[in-house]
Amino acid sequence: MASSLTNLSLYAVPAYWILCLVPHNYAIAIMSKANNGYWDNTNPRSSVWDAKLKQSASADVFGRYERAEAAMKNGFENFPIFVGAILAGNMARLESQTLNSFVGAYLAMRVLYTVVYVKVTRNKYSFARTAIWGVSTLLCMGIYVKSGLALNSA
C-alpha cells in the first residue's frame, strides 16, 4: 500500500547543508568576540590567521572554535552518503514514511553530533560522538540496503 504522506526527504538536503554551516557560524562568532569583533574573511584558512586566533583567545574558546570547525568539516564529509541514501530511497520508491523517518532521525543525530562535538572536552566522553556518528551512518546504510532490496524485487 502506498503511503499518503508527503515525501519530504529531498527537502532534507538544503536543511542538512544549513545544519553543516551552523557550527562554522558559531566558530566565527566566538572568535570574533575574542578579537574585539574582528574576523579576517580574506584568508580565513591561513595557518597564520589560526596562529593569531590562538593567541587572542583563551584555550577554552580556541578549543571550541577548533571543534566547531571540525564539526562543520565532518558534516560536509558526510554529505554525499546522506544525499546518496535519499536519492537511492527515492529511486527505489521507498515509502514516504520510511524516507521521512530516515531524514528526521538522521538530521536529529547530526544536531546531537554537532552539539557533542563542540561541547565535549574530555576524551572519555568523546566516544559518545563516535557512537552518534556510527548510528547516523547506519541509518544511511539501512536506506541503501532497503533500496537495493526494493529494486531487486521489482
Protein backbone atom coordinates (compact mmCIF):
# COMPACT_ATOMS: atom_id res chain seq x y z
CA MET A 1 0.00 0.00 0.00
CA ALA A 2 1.41 3.35 -1.00
CA SER A 3 1.89 5.95 1.70
CA SER A 4 -0.33 9.04 1.58
CA LEU A 5 2.31 11.10 3.39
CA THR A 6 4.14 13.82 1.53
CA ASN A 7 7.71 12.78 0.79
CA LEU A 8 9.86 15.41 2.50
CA SER A 9 13.20 13.67 2.02
CA LEU A 10 14.60 15.95 -0.69
CA TYR A 11 13.92 18.98 1.50
CA ALA A 12 16.36 17.47 3.97
CA VAL A 13 19.24 18.20 1.56
CA PRO A 14 19.17 22.01 1.99
CA ALA A 15 18.30 21.55 5.67
CA TYR A 16 21.42 19.44 6.12
CA TRP A 17 23.53 21.96 4.21
CA ILE A 18 22.39 24.71 6.58
CA LEU A 19 22.99 22.42 9.55
CA CYS A 20 26.58 21.95 8.37
CA LEU A 21 27.10 25.71 8.35
CA VAL A 22 25.80 26.32 11.88
CA PRO A 23 29.00 25.28 13.70
CA HIS A 24 31.10 27.40 11.32
CA ASN A 25 28.97 30.45 12.09
CA TYR A 26 29.31 29.67 15.79
CA ALA A 27 33.10 29.41 15.39
CA ILE A 28 33.25 32.79 13.67
CA ALA A 29 31.04 34.36 16.34
CA ILE A 30 33.10 33.19 19.31
CA MET A 31 36.41 34.08 17.68
CA SER A 32 35.15 37.48 16.55
CA LYS A 33 34.12 38.16 20.13
CA ALA A 34 37.58 37.10 21.34
CA ASN A 35 39.11 39.50 18.77
CA ASN A 36 37.08 42.60 19.69
CA GLY A 37 34.60 41.97 16.88
CA TYR A 38 37.24 41.35 14.21
CA TRP A 39 37.20 38.43 11.78
CA ASP A 40 39.55 38.38 8.78
CA ASN A 41 37.48 36.86 6.00
CA THR A 42 40.08 37.49 3.27
CA ASN A 43 42.10 34.37 4.11
CA PRO A 44 40.32 32.51 6.92
CA ARG A 45 42.07 29.19 6.24
CA SER A 46 45.54 30.65 6.63
CA SER A 47 47.75 29.00 9.24
CA VAL A 48 48.95 32.50 10.17
CA TRP A 49 45.34 33.52 10.91
CA ASP A 50 44.82 30.43 13.07
CA ALA A 51 48.01 31.27 14.99
CA LYS A 52 46.70 34.80 15.60
CA LEU A 53 43.37 33.41 16.77
CA LYS A 54 45.09 31.02 19.15
CA GLN A 55 47.00 33.92 20.71
CA SER A 56 43.95 36.16 21.05
CA ALA A 57 41.56 33.68 22.66
CA SER A 58 41.54 31.61 25.81
CA ALA A 59 42.33 27.91 25.45
CA ASP A 60 38.66 27.10 26.08
CA VAL A 61 37.39 29.45 23.36
CA PHE A 62 40.03 28.35 20.86
CA GLY A 63 39.21 24.71 21.60
CA ARG A 64 35.51 25.32 20.93
CA TYR A 65 36.46 27.16 17.74
CA GLU A 66 38.54 24.21 16.53
CA ARG A 67 35.86 21.66 17.42
CA ALA A 68 33.14 23.72 15.74
CA GLU A 69 35.21 23.96 12.56
CA ALA A 70 35.87 20.21 12.72
CA ALA A 71 32.14 19.53 13.17
CA MET A 72 31.41 21.58 10.06
CA LYS A 73 34.03 19.69 8.05
CA ASN A 74 32.70 16.35 9.25
CA GLY A 75 29.21 17.40 8.24
CA PHE A 76 30.29 18.17 4.71
CA GLU A 77 32.36 14.96 4.57
CA ASN A 78 29.20 13.00 5.38
CA PHE A 79 27.00 14.97 2.99
CA PRO A 80 27.48 12.59 0.00
CA ILE A 81 26.46 9.46 1.90
CA PHE A 82 23.31 11.20 3.16
CA VAL A 83 22.31 12.61 -0.22
CA GLY A 84 23.08 9.28 -1.87
CA ALA A 85 20.79 7.48 0.57
CA ILE A 86 17.99 9.94 -0.13
CA LEU A 87 18.40 9.54 -3.88
CA ALA A 88 18.61 5.74 -3.63
CA GLY A 89 15.46 5.65 -1.49
CA ASN A 90 13.55 7.83 -3.93
CA MET A 91 14.81 5.88 -6.94
CA ALA A 92 13.66 2.65 -5.27
CA ARG A 93 10.32 4.31 -4.46
CA LEU A 94 10.56 3.58 -0.75
CA GLU A 95 7.52 4.73 1.18
CA SER A 96 7.38 8.36 2.21
CA GLN A 97 7.06 7.35 5.85
CA THR A 98 10.32 5.40 5.61
CA LEU A 99 12.17 8.26 3.94
CA ASN A 100 10.70 10.94 6.19
CA SER A 101 11.58 8.91 9.30
CA PHE A 102 15.09 8.37 7.98
CA VAL A 103 15.82 12.04 7.25
CA GLY A 104 14.27 13.14 10.55
CA ALA A 105 16.34 10.66 12.54
CA TYR A 106 19.50 11.44 10.56
CA LEU A 107 19.15 15.20 11.00
CA ALA A 108 18.47 14.72 14.72
CA MET A 109 21.61 12.58 15.02
CA ARG A 110 23.65 15.24 13.23
CA VAL A 111 22.35 18.00 15.53
CA LEU A 112 23.25 15.87 18.55
CA TYR A 113 26.63 15.01 16.99
CA THR A 114 27.44 18.68 16.43
CA VAL A 115 26.48 19.71 19.97
CA VAL A 116 28.52 16.87 21.47
CA TYR A 117 31.48 17.65 19.20
CA VAL A 118 31.58 21.31 20.20
CA LYS A 119 30.78 20.91 23.90
CA VAL A 120 32.68 17.77 24.97
CA THR A 121 36.19 18.48 26.22
CA ARG A 122 37.10 15.19 27.91
CA ASN A 123 38.43 12.24 25.96
CA LYS A 124 36.32 9.64 27.75
CA TYR A 125 33.13 11.43 26.70
CA SER A 126 34.28 11.98 23.13
CA PHE A 127 33.38 8.39 22.32
CA ALA A 128 29.71 9.37 22.58
CA ARG A 129 30.33 11.50 19.49
CA THR A 130 31.75 8.47 17.69
CA ALA A 131 28.72 6.39 18.67
CA ILE A 132 26.35 9.08 17.40
CA TRP A 133 28.28 9.24 14.13
CA GLY A 134 28.03 5.45 13.86
CA VAL A 135 24.27 5.50 14.35
CA SER A 136 23.85 8.19 11.70
CA THR A 137 25.98 6.20 9.26
CA LEU A 138 23.99 3.04 9.96
CA LEU A 139 20.78 4.94 9.22
CA CYS A 140 22.16 5.72 5.75
CA MET A 141 23.32 2.16 5.20
CA GLY A 142 19.87 0.92 6.16
CA ILE A 143 18.31 3.03 3.41
CA TYR A 144 20.86 1.74 0.89
CA VAL A 145 20.00 -1.85 1.84
CA LYS A 146 16.24 -1.22 1.73
CA SER A 147 16.64 0.48 -1.64
CA GLY A 148 18.67 -2.40 -3.02
CA LEU A 149 16.12 -4.93 -1.83
CA ALA A 150 13.25 -2.92 -3.30
CA LEU A 151 14.99 -2.55 -6.65
CA ASN A 152 15.90 -6.23 -6.80
CA SER A 153 12.33 -7.32 -6.06
CA ALA A 154 10.78 -5.02 -8.65
